[in-house]
Amino acid sequence: MWYFAWILGILLACSFGIINAVWLEFSGYEGEEEQK
């Protein structure tokens, strides 16, 4: 069952990266516009 944990870890890492990108788009984008 090692492949199950391996797939679960990859899905968790991918979802974490997607959530980070979306969160930066909504929260950090406004700050970048204010600096310009």
N, C-alpha and C. Protein backbone atom coordinates (compact mmCIF):
# COMPACT_ATOMS: atom_id res chain seq x y z
N MET A 1 0.83 -1.22 0.00
CA MET A 1 0.00 0.00 0.00
C MET A 1 0.86 1.26 0.00
N TRP A 2 2.13 1.13 -0.32
CA TRP A 2 3.00 2.32 -0.30
C TRP A 2 2.59 3.32 -1.37
N TYR A 3 2.04 2.81 -2.47
CA TYR A 3 1.65 3.72 -3.56
C TYR A 3 0.49 4.60 -3.14
N PHE A 4 -0.38 4.10 -2.25
CA PHE A 4 -1.51 4.91 -1.78
C PHE A 4 -1.01 6.12 -1.01
N ALA A 5 -0.04 5.92 -0.12
CA ALA A 5 0.52 7.04 0.64
C ALA A 5 1.28 7.98 -0.28
N TRP A 6 1.93 7.43 -1.30
CA TRP A 6 2.70 8.25 -2.25
C TRP A 6 1.77 9.15 -3.05
N ILE A 7 0.66 8.58 -3.55
CA ILE A 7 -0.31 9.37 -4.31
C ILE A 7 -0.97 10.41 -3.41
N LEU A 8 -1.28 10.01 -2.17
CA LEU A 8 -1.92 10.94 -1.23
C LEU A 8 -0.99 12.11 -0.94
N GLY A 9 0.30 11.84 -0.79
CA GLY A 9 1.26 12.91 -0.52
C GLY A 9 1.39 13.86 -1.70
N ILE A 10 1.38 13.32 -2.91
CA ILE A 10 1.49 14.17 -4.11
C ILE A 10 0.23 15.02 -4.26
N LEU A 11 -0.94 14.43 -4.03
CA LEU A 11 -2.18 15.21 -4.12
C LEU A 11 -2.19 16.31 -3.07
N LEU A 12 -1.70 16.01 -1.87
CA LEU A 12 -1.67 17.02 -0.80
C LEU A 12 -0.73 18.16 -1.18
N ALA A 13 0.44 17.82 -1.73
CA ALA A 13 1.40 18.86 -2.12
C ALA A 13 0.84 19.70 -3.27
N CYS A 14 0.20 19.07 -4.25
CA CYS A 14 -0.37 19.81 -5.38
C CYS A 14 -1.49 20.73 -4.91
N SER A 15 -2.36 20.23 -4.04
CA SER A 15 -3.46 21.07 -3.56
C SER A 15 -2.92 22.22 -2.72
N PHE A 16 -1.87 21.98 -1.95
CA PHE A 16 -1.27 23.04 -1.14
C PHE A 16 -0.69 24.13 -2.05
N GLY A 17 -0.03 23.72 -3.13
CA GLY A 17 0.54 24.70 -4.06
C GLY A 17 -0.54 25.49 -4.77
N ILE A 18 -1.64 24.83 -5.15
CA ILE A 18 -2.73 25.53 -5.84
C ILE A 18 -3.39 26.53 -4.89
N ILE A 19 -3.61 26.10 -3.63
CA ILE A 19 -4.23 27.01 -2.65
C ILE A 19 -3.32 28.21 -2.41
N ASN A 20 -2.02 27.98 -2.33
CA ASN A 20 -1.07 29.08 -2.14
C ASN A 20 -1.14 30.05 -3.30
N ALA A 21 -1.17 29.55 -4.54
CA ALA A 21 -1.20 30.41 -5.72
C ALA A 21 -2.49 31.23 -5.74
N VAL A 22 -3.62 30.59 -5.44
CA VAL A 22 -4.91 31.29 -5.45
C VAL A 22 -4.93 32.34 -4.35
N TRP A 23 -4.42 32.00 -3.16
CA TRP A 23 -4.43 32.93 -2.04
C TRP A 23 -3.54 34.15 -2.34
N LEU A 24 -2.39 33.91 -2.98
CA LEU A 24 -1.51 35.02 -3.34
C LEU A 24 -2.15 35.89 -4.42
N GLU A 25 -2.90 35.29 -5.32
CA GLU A 25 -3.57 36.06 -6.37
C GLU A 25 -4.57 37.04 -5.77
N PHE A 26 -5.33 36.59 -4.76
CA PHE A 26 -6.38 37.44 -4.20
C PHE A 26 -5.85 38.39 -3.14
N SER A 27 -4.90 37.96 -2.32
CA SER A 27 -4.45 38.80 -1.20
C SER A 27 -3.22 39.62 -1.55
N GLY A 28 -2.24 39.02 -2.22
CA GLY A 28 -0.99 39.72 -2.50
C GLY A 28 -1.07 40.62 -3.72
N TYR A 29 -2.03 40.34 -4.61
CA TYR A 29 -2.12 41.12 -5.85
C TYR A 29 -2.49 42.58 -5.56
N GLU A 30 -3.37 42.79 -4.58
CA GLU A 30 -3.79 44.14 -4.23
C GLU A 30 -2.61 44.93 -3.68
N GLY A 31 -1.78 44.28 -2.86
CA GLY A 31 -0.62 44.96 -2.30
C GLY A 31 0.36 45.36 -3.38
N GLU A 32 0.51 44.53 -4.41
CA GLU A 32 1.42 44.86 -5.50
C GLU A 32 0.90 46.07 -6.28
N GLU A 33 -0.39 46.15 -6.46
CA GLU A 33 -0.96 47.28 -7.20
C GLU A 33 -0.79 48.58 -6.41
N GLU A 34 -0.90 48.49 -5.08
CA GLU A 34 -0.77 49.69 -4.25
C GLU A 34 0.66 50.22 -4.30
N GLN A 35 1.64 49.33 -4.38
CA GLN A 35 3.04 49.75 -4.42
C GLN A 35 3.34 50.50 -5.72
N LYS A 36 2.71 50.10 -6.81
CA LYS A 36 2.93 50.77 -8.10
C LYS A 36 2.22 52.12 -8.07
